[in-house]
Amino acid sequence: MNLPTEIFGDVIVVHTPDELGAEQAQAIEQFLTTLERQKVVVDLDNTELLDSGGLTALLDSQDNLRELSGDLRLATTNPVNRKILEVTRLDRQMDVFESVIDAVKSFS
């Protein structure tokens, strides 16, 4: 799976698809892990469906990237996705930002 990306300095911003669920989880995790040694921001703004499979893929990707000397942060203004991250307490395990710009700046 190839996901749209943007580069801001030394940070790669990855835009997730409309659905980030169990069906896409393995492909997304594999894609994110290929970005080893990179600072990665995952932009969840356009994601309409975020389920436990997608959340697990994000958490596992963060762990994998950290093992490979990289890091991963999340950005979303989508209130439903923010609530999902809050209810599942993933916002306590991952750095979540209001905007992509804030997430990119956090690597400075």
N, C-alpha and C. Protein backbone atom coordinates (compact mmCIF):
# COMPACT_ATOMS: atom_id res chain seq x y z
N MET A 1 0.84 -1.18 0.00
CA MET A 1 0.00 0.00 0.00
C MET A 1 0.88 1.24 0.00
N ASN A 2 0.62 2.14 -0.90
CA ASN A 2 1.28 3.43 -0.91
C ASN A 2 0.30 4.47 -0.41
N LEU A 3 0.75 5.29 0.49
CA LEU A 3 -0.09 6.34 1.05
C LEU A 3 0.48 7.68 0.62
N PRO A 4 -0.39 8.69 0.43
CA PRO A 4 0.12 10.01 0.09
C PRO A 4 0.99 10.55 1.22
N THR A 5 2.11 11.15 0.84
CA THR A 5 3.03 11.70 1.83
C THR A 5 3.46 13.11 1.42
N GLU A 6 3.90 13.85 2.40
CA GLU A 6 4.50 15.16 2.21
C GLU A 6 5.74 15.22 3.09
N ILE A 7 6.70 16.02 2.69
CA ILE A 7 7.91 16.17 3.48
C ILE A 7 8.03 17.61 3.93
N PHE A 8 8.21 17.78 5.23
CA PHE A 8 8.44 19.08 5.84
C PHE A 8 9.78 19.01 6.56
N GLY A 9 10.82 19.49 5.91
CA GLY A 9 12.16 19.39 6.48
C GLY A 9 12.56 17.93 6.59
N ASP A 10 12.78 17.47 7.82
CA ASP A 10 13.16 16.07 8.02
C ASP A 10 12.01 15.22 8.57
N VAL A 11 10.78 15.71 8.41
CA VAL A 11 9.60 15.01 8.90
C VAL A 11 8.73 14.58 7.70
N ILE A 12 8.30 13.34 7.73
CA ILE A 12 7.41 12.82 6.69
C ILE A 12 5.98 12.80 7.25
N VAL A 13 5.06 13.42 6.53
CA VAL A 13 3.65 13.41 6.91
C VAL A 13 2.95 12.39 6.01
N VAL A 14 2.27 11.44 6.65
CA VAL A 14 1.55 10.38 5.94
C VAL A 14 0.06 10.63 6.13
N HIS A 15 -0.66 10.71 5.01
CA HIS A 15 -2.10 10.92 5.05
C HIS A 15 -2.80 9.56 4.94
N THR A 16 -3.59 9.24 5.94
CA THR A 16 -4.25 7.93 5.98
C THR A 16 -5.48 7.91 5.06
N PRO A 17 -5.89 6.70 4.66
CA PRO A 17 -7.05 6.57 3.77
C PRO A 17 -8.37 6.80 4.53
N ASP A 18 -9.47 6.77 3.78
CA ASP A 18 -10.80 6.97 4.38
C ASP A 18 -11.10 5.95 5.47
N GLU A 19 -10.63 4.73 5.27
CA GLU A 19 -10.86 3.67 6.25
C GLU A 19 -9.52 3.17 6.78
N LEU A 20 -9.42 3.15 8.08
CA LEU A 20 -8.23 2.63 8.74
C LEU A 20 -8.71 1.57 9.72
N GLY A 21 -8.91 0.38 9.16
CA GLY A 21 -9.46 -0.72 9.94
C GLY A 21 -8.63 -1.96 9.82
N ALA A 22 -9.19 -3.05 10.27
CA ALA A 22 -8.48 -4.33 10.28
C ALA A 22 -8.02 -4.74 8.88
N GLU A 23 -8.82 -4.44 7.86
CA GLU A 23 -8.46 -4.83 6.50
C GLU A 23 -7.23 -4.09 5.98
N GLN A 24 -7.03 -2.86 6.42
CA GLN A 24 -5.90 -2.06 5.97
C GLN A 24 -4.72 -2.10 6.94
N ALA A 25 -4.93 -2.64 8.12
CA ALA A 25 -3.95 -2.54 9.21
C ALA A 25 -2.58 -3.07 8.84
N GLN A 26 -2.50 -4.27 8.29
CA GLN A 26 -1.21 -4.86 7.98
C GLN A 26 -0.47 -4.05 6.93
N ALA A 27 -1.17 -3.63 5.89
CA ALA A 27 -0.53 -2.86 4.82
C ALA A 27 -0.03 -1.51 5.33
N ILE A 28 -0.82 -0.86 6.17
CA ILE A 28 -0.41 0.43 6.72
C ILE A 28 0.79 0.27 7.65
N GLU A 29 0.75 -0.75 8.47
CA GLU A 29 1.88 -1.00 9.37
C GLU A 29 3.16 -1.27 8.58
N GLN A 30 3.06 -2.08 7.54
CA GLN A 30 4.23 -2.36 6.70
C GLN A 30 4.75 -1.09 6.05
N PHE A 31 3.84 -0.25 5.53
CA PHE A 31 4.24 1.00 4.90
C PHE A 31 4.96 1.90 5.89
N LEU A 32 4.37 2.09 7.07
CA LEU A 32 4.97 2.98 8.06
C LEU A 32 6.31 2.46 8.55
N THR A 33 6.45 1.16 8.67
CA THR A 33 7.71 0.59 9.15
C THR A 33 8.83 0.76 8.12
N THR A 34 8.49 0.90 6.85
CA THR A 34 9.53 1.14 5.84
C THR A 34 10.17 2.51 6.01
N LEU A 35 9.56 3.35 6.81
CA LEU A 35 10.09 4.70 7.03
C LEU A 35 11.05 4.74 8.21
N GLU A 36 11.80 3.64 8.39
CA GLU A 36 12.73 3.55 9.51
C GLU A 36 13.66 4.75 9.56
N ARG A 37 14.07 5.08 10.76
CA ARG A 37 14.95 6.22 11.05
C ARG A 37 14.34 7.56 10.66
N GLN A 38 13.04 7.59 10.48
CA GLN A 38 12.36 8.81 10.07
C GLN A 38 11.46 9.33 11.19
N LYS A 39 11.24 10.62 11.14
CA LYS A 39 10.24 11.25 12.00
C LYS A 39 8.96 11.28 11.17
N VAL A 40 7.92 10.66 11.70
CA VAL A 40 6.68 10.47 10.93
C VAL A 40 5.50 11.07 11.68
N VAL A 41 4.69 11.82 10.94
CA VAL A 41 3.41 12.31 11.45
C VAL A 41 2.33 11.63 10.63
N VAL A 42 1.39 10.98 11.31
CA VAL A 42 0.26 10.35 10.64
C VAL A 42 -0.93 11.29 10.77
N ASP A 43 -1.41 11.77 9.62
CA ASP A 43 -2.54 12.69 9.57
C ASP A 43 -3.83 11.89 9.42
N LEU A 44 -4.67 11.92 10.46
CA LEU A 44 -5.92 11.16 10.48
C LEU A 44 -7.14 11.98 10.09
N ASP A 45 -6.95 13.20 9.61
CA ASP A 45 -8.09 14.08 9.34
C ASP A 45 -9.09 13.52 8.33
N ASN A 46 -8.64 12.82 7.30
CA ASN A 46 -9.54 12.33 6.27
C ASN A 46 -10.05 10.92 6.54
N THR A 47 -9.68 10.35 7.66
CA THR A 47 -10.10 8.99 7.98
C THR A 47 -11.49 9.01 8.61
N GLU A 48 -12.42 8.33 7.94
CA GLU A 48 -13.81 8.27 8.39
C GLU A 48 -14.07 7.08 9.30
N LEU A 49 -13.32 6.00 9.11
CA LEU A 49 -13.51 4.79 9.91
C LEU A 49 -12.18 4.42 10.56
N LEU A 50 -12.18 4.38 11.88
CA LEU A 50 -10.98 4.03 12.64
C LEU A 50 -11.40 3.00 13.67
N ASP A 51 -10.96 1.74 13.44
CA ASP A 51 -11.37 0.68 14.38
C ASP A 51 -10.16 0.11 15.11
N SER A 52 -10.40 -0.92 15.90
CA SER A 52 -9.35 -1.47 16.75
C SER A 52 -8.16 -1.99 15.93
N GLY A 53 -8.43 -2.54 14.76
CA GLY A 53 -7.33 -3.00 13.91
C GLY A 53 -6.44 -1.85 13.46
N GLY A 54 -7.04 -0.73 13.10
CA GLY A 54 -6.28 0.44 12.71
C GLY A 54 -5.51 1.05 13.87
N LEU A 55 -6.14 1.08 15.04
CA LEU A 55 -5.47 1.61 16.23
C LEU A 55 -4.27 0.75 16.62
N THR A 56 -4.44 -0.55 16.53
CA THR A 56 -3.34 -1.47 16.83
C THR A 56 -2.20 -1.27 15.84
N ALA A 57 -2.54 -1.09 14.58
CA ALA A 57 -1.50 -0.86 13.55
C ALA A 57 -0.71 0.41 13.85
N LEU A 58 -1.39 1.46 14.28
CA LEU A 58 -0.70 2.71 14.61
C LEU A 58 0.23 2.53 15.80
N LEU A 59 -0.26 1.87 16.83
CA LEU A 59 0.55 1.64 18.02
C LEU A 59 1.75 0.74 17.72
N ASP A 60 1.51 -0.33 16.96
CA ASP A 60 2.61 -1.22 16.58
C ASP A 60 3.62 -0.50 15.69
N SER A 61 3.13 0.35 14.80
CA SER A 61 4.03 1.11 13.93
C SER A 61 4.91 2.05 14.73
N GLN A 62 4.31 2.69 15.74
CA GLN A 62 5.11 3.56 16.61
C GLN A 62 6.22 2.75 17.29
N ASP A 63 5.87 1.59 17.84
CA ASP A 63 6.87 0.75 18.49
C ASP A 63 7.96 0.31 17.51
N ASN A 64 7.55 -0.10 16.31
CA ASN A 64 8.52 -0.53 15.30
C ASN A 64 9.44 0.60 14.89
N LEU A 65 8.89 1.78 14.66
CA LEU A 65 9.71 2.91 14.25
C LEU A 65 10.70 3.29 15.35
N ARG A 66 10.26 3.27 16.59
CA ARG A 66 11.17 3.61 17.69
C ARG A 66 12.31 2.61 17.79
N GLU A 67 12.02 1.33 17.55
CA GLU A 67 13.08 0.32 17.54
C GLU A 67 14.07 0.56 16.41
N LEU A 68 13.60 1.21 15.33
CA LEU A 68 14.44 1.47 14.16
C LEU A 68 14.95 2.91 14.14
N SER A 69 15.01 3.54 15.32
CA SER A 69 15.52 4.91 15.50
C SER A 69 14.67 5.98 14.85
N GLY A 70 13.38 5.73 14.71
CA GLY A 70 12.46 6.74 14.20
C GLY A 70 11.44 7.07 15.27
N ASP A 71 10.40 7.79 14.90
CA ASP A 71 9.33 8.10 15.84
C ASP A 71 8.07 8.43 15.06
N LEU A 72 6.93 8.33 15.73
CA LEU A 72 5.64 8.54 15.09
C LEU A 72 4.76 9.38 15.99
N ARG A 73 4.08 10.36 15.39
CA ARG A 73 3.13 11.19 16.09
C ARG A 73 1.84 11.22 15.28
N LEU A 74 0.73 11.49 15.94
CA LEU A 74 -0.56 11.56 15.27
C LEU A 74 -1.05 13.00 15.25
N ALA A 75 -1.79 13.33 14.19
CA ALA A 75 -2.42 14.65 14.09
C ALA A 75 -3.85 14.45 13.58
N THR A 76 -4.80 15.11 14.24
CA THR A 76 -6.17 15.08 13.75
C THR A 76 -6.99 16.20 14.37
N THR A 77 -7.78 16.82 13.54
CA THR A 77 -8.77 17.78 14.02
C THR A 77 -10.15 17.14 14.00
N ASN A 78 -10.24 15.93 13.48
CA ASN A 78 -11.50 15.20 13.38
C ASN A 78 -11.98 14.85 14.79
N PRO A 79 -13.11 15.42 15.23
CA PRO A 79 -13.56 15.20 16.61
C PRO A 79 -13.90 13.74 16.93
N VAL A 80 -14.38 13.00 15.95
CA VAL A 80 -14.70 11.59 16.18
C VAL A 80 -13.42 10.80 16.42
N ASN A 81 -12.40 11.03 15.60
CA ASN A 81 -11.14 10.32 15.79
C ASN A 81 -10.47 10.70 17.10
N ARG A 82 -10.55 11.98 17.46
CA ARG A 82 -9.97 12.40 18.75
C ARG A 82 -10.68 11.69 19.90
N LYS A 83 -11.99 11.56 19.81
CA LYS A 83 -12.75 10.88 20.86
C LYS A 83 -12.38 9.40 20.92
N ILE A 84 -12.21 8.77 19.77
CA ILE A 84 -11.78 7.37 19.74
C ILE A 84 -10.43 7.21 20.42
N LEU A 85 -9.50 8.09 20.11
CA LEU A 85 -8.17 8.03 20.74
C LEU A 85 -8.27 8.25 22.25
N GLU A 86 -9.17 9.11 22.65
CA GLU A 86 -9.36 9.40 24.08
C GLU A 86 -10.01 8.21 24.80
N VAL A 87 -11.08 7.68 24.24
CA VAL A 87 -11.82 6.58 24.88
C VAL A 87 -10.94 5.33 25.00
N THR A 88 -10.13 5.08 23.98
CA THR A 88 -9.25 3.91 24.00
C THR A 88 -7.96 4.18 24.77
N ARG A 89 -7.81 5.41 25.20
CA ARG A 89 -6.63 5.88 25.95
C ARG A 89 -5.34 5.79 25.14
N LEU A 90 -5.48 5.73 23.84
CA LEU A 90 -4.31 5.75 22.99
C LEU A 90 -3.64 7.12 23.02
N ASP A 91 -4.42 8.15 23.36
CA ASP A 91 -3.85 9.49 23.47
C ASP A 91 -2.86 9.59 24.63
N ARG A 92 -2.84 8.58 25.50
CA ARG A 92 -1.87 8.54 26.60
C ARG A 92 -0.63 7.75 26.22
N GLN A 93 -0.75 6.95 25.17
CA GLN A 93 0.37 6.12 24.73
C GLN A 93 1.08 6.69 23.51
N MET A 94 0.39 7.60 22.82
CA MET A 94 0.95 8.21 21.62
C MET A 94 0.80 9.72 21.73
N ASP A 95 1.69 10.44 21.07
CA ASP A 95 1.59 11.89 21.03
C ASP A 95 0.57 12.27 19.97
N VAL A 96 -0.49 12.96 20.38
CA VAL A 96 -1.57 13.37 19.48
C VAL A 96 -1.63 14.89 19.46
N PHE A 97 -1.67 15.46 18.25
CA PHE A 97 -1.67 16.91 18.09
C PHE A 97 -2.90 17.38 17.34
N GLU A 98 -3.28 18.63 17.57
CA GLU A 98 -4.45 19.23 16.93
C GLU A 98 -4.25 19.44 15.44
N SER A 99 -3.01 19.64 15.02
CA SER A 99 -2.76 19.92 13.60
C SER A 99 -1.46 19.26 13.16
N VAL A 100 -1.34 19.09 11.86
CA VAL A 100 -0.11 18.52 11.29
C VAL A 100 1.06 19.45 11.61
N ILE A 101 0.84 20.76 11.51
CA ILE A 101 1.91 21.73 11.77
C ILE A 101 2.43 21.58 13.19
N ASP A 102 1.52 21.47 14.17
CA ASP A 102 1.93 21.28 15.56
C ASP A 102 2.73 20.00 15.74
N ALA A 103 2.28 18.93 15.08
CA ALA A 103 2.98 17.64 15.18
C ALA A 103 4.37 17.73 14.57
N VAL A 104 4.48 18.38 13.42
CA VAL A 104 5.79 18.54 12.77
C VAL A 104 6.72 19.36 13.65
N LYS A 105 6.20 20.45 14.19
CA LYS A 105 7.01 21.33 15.07
C LYS A 105 7.48 20.60 16.32
N SER A 106 6.71 19.63 16.79
CA SER A 106 7.07 18.93 18.03
C SER A 106 8.38 18.14 17.89
N PHE A 107 8.80 17.87 16.69
CA PHE A 107 10.06 17.15 16.48
C PHE A 107 11.28 18.08 16.62
N SER A 108 11.05 19.39 16.67
CA SER A 108 12.17 20.33 16.76
C SER A 108 12.78 20.36 18.13
